[in-house]
Amino acid sequence: MSPAACGTWPGERLAQAFNPQGWQQWLAAALIAPGWILATTIAAGLTRTLARR
């Protein structure tokens, strides 16, 4: 069966997977923000540790 016959192309499903909507979008933002804070904190700590040497 071709993708056209079933109504969706593989790219459409992939686009939906990487484009959260509704509560999933809020959850993604709620996980990304602390991740950036954690990464920034680690980078600052490493920079300070290496600068002391």
C-alpha atoms as a PDB file:
ATOM      1  CA  MET A   1       0.000   0.000   0.000  1.00  0.00           C
ATOM      2  CA  SER A   2       1.397   3.396  -0.928  1.00  0.00           C
ATOM      3  CA  PRO A   3       1.519   6.316   1.530  1.00  0.00           C
ATOM      4  CA  ALA A   4      -0.951   8.225  -0.620  1.00  0.00           C
ATOM      5  CA  ALA A   5      -3.442   5.371  -0.303  1.00  0.00           C
ATOM      6  CA  CYS A   6      -3.465   5.468   3.516  1.00  0.00           C
ATOM      7  CA  GLY A   7      -3.801   9.272   3.616  1.00  0.00           C
ATOM      8  CA  THR A   8      -0.610  10.262   5.441  1.00  0.00           C
ATOM      9  CA  TRP A   9       2.939  10.590   4.307  1.00  0.00           C
ATOM     10  CA  PRO A  10       5.742   9.582   6.671  1.00  0.00           C
ATOM     11  CA  GLY A  11       6.845  13.216   6.885  1.00  0.00           C
ATOM     12  CA  GLU A  12       3.453  14.271   8.221  1.00  0.00           C
ATOM     13  CA  ARG A  13       3.626  11.818  11.103  1.00  0.00           C
ATOM     14  CA  LEU A  14       7.177  12.909  11.856  1.00  0.00           C
ATOM     15  CA  ALA A  15       6.150  16.565  11.865  1.00  0.00           C
ATOM     16  CA  GLN A  16       3.358  15.762  14.325  1.00  0.00           C
ATOM     17  CA  ALA A  17       5.792  13.911  16.593  1.00  0.00           C
ATOM     18  CA  PHE A  18       8.106  16.913  16.832  1.00  0.00           C
ATOM     19  CA  ASN A  19       5.348  19.545  17.128  1.00  0.00           C
ATOM     20  CA  PRO A  20       3.693  19.123  20.534  1.00  0.00           C
ATOM     21  CA  GLN A  21       0.266  20.653  21.061  1.00  0.00           C
ATOM     22  CA  GLY A  22      -1.710  21.582  24.158  1.00  0.00           C
ATOM     23  CA  TRP A  23      -0.506  20.122  27.459  1.00  0.00           C
ATOM     24  CA  GLN A  24       2.389  18.377  25.734  1.00  0.00           C
ATOM     25  CA  GLN A  25       3.764  21.747  24.644  1.00  0.00           C
ATOM     26  CA  TRP A  26       3.609  23.017  28.236  1.00  0.00           C
ATOM     27  CA  LEU A  27       5.280  19.854  29.498  1.00  0.00           C
ATOM     28  CA  ALA A  28       8.068  20.234  26.935  1.00  0.00           C
ATOM     29  CA  ALA A  29       8.665  23.838  28.012  1.00  0.00           C
ATOM     30  CA  ALA A  30       8.593  22.815  31.677  1.00  0.00           C
ATOM     31  CA  LEU A  31      11.321  20.226  31.025  1.00  0.00           C
ATOM     32  CA  ILE A  32      13.449  22.357  28.702  1.00  0.00           C
ATOM     33  CA  ALA A  33      13.684  25.380  31.022  1.00  0.00           C
ATOM     34  CA  PRO A  34      15.209  23.483  33.982  1.00  0.00           C
ATOM     35  CA  GLY A  35      17.494  21.689  31.535  1.00  0.00           C
ATOM     36  CA  TRP A  36      18.930  25.002  30.351  1.00  0.00           C
ATOM     37  CA  ILE A  37      19.341  26.170  33.931  1.00  0.00           C
ATOM     38  CA  LEU A  38      21.143  22.949  34.860  1.00  0.00           C
ATOM     39  CA  ALA A  39      23.429  23.130  31.807  1.00  0.00           C
ATOM     40  CA  THR A  40      24.259  26.779  32.517  1.00  0.00           C
ATOM     41  CA  THR A  41      25.009  26.003  36.165  1.00  0.00           C
ATOM     42  CA  ILE A  42      27.325  23.137  35.226  1.00  0.00           C
ATOM     43  CA  ALA A  43      29.107  25.272  32.622  1.00  0.00           C
ATOM     44  CA  ALA A  44      29.589  28.096  35.145  1.00  0.00           C
ATOM     45  CA  GLY A  45      30.915  25.660  37.737  1.00  0.00           C
ATOM     46  CA  LEU A  46      33.365  24.107  35.298  1.00  0.00           C
ATOM     47  CA  THR A  47      34.524  27.516  34.144  1.00  0.00           C
ATOM     48  CA  ARG A  48      35.130  28.626  37.707  1.00  0.00           C
ATOM     49  CA  THR A  49      36.939  25.391  38.592  1.00  0.00           C
ATOM     50  CA  LEU A  50      39.197  25.589  35.539  1.00  0.00           C
ATOM     51  CA  ALA A  51      39.888  29.298  36.046  1.00  0.00           C
ATOM     52  CA  ARG A  52      41.294  28.650  39.540  1.00  0.00           C
ATOM     53  CA  ARG A  53      44.060  26.409  38.248  1.00  0.00           C
END
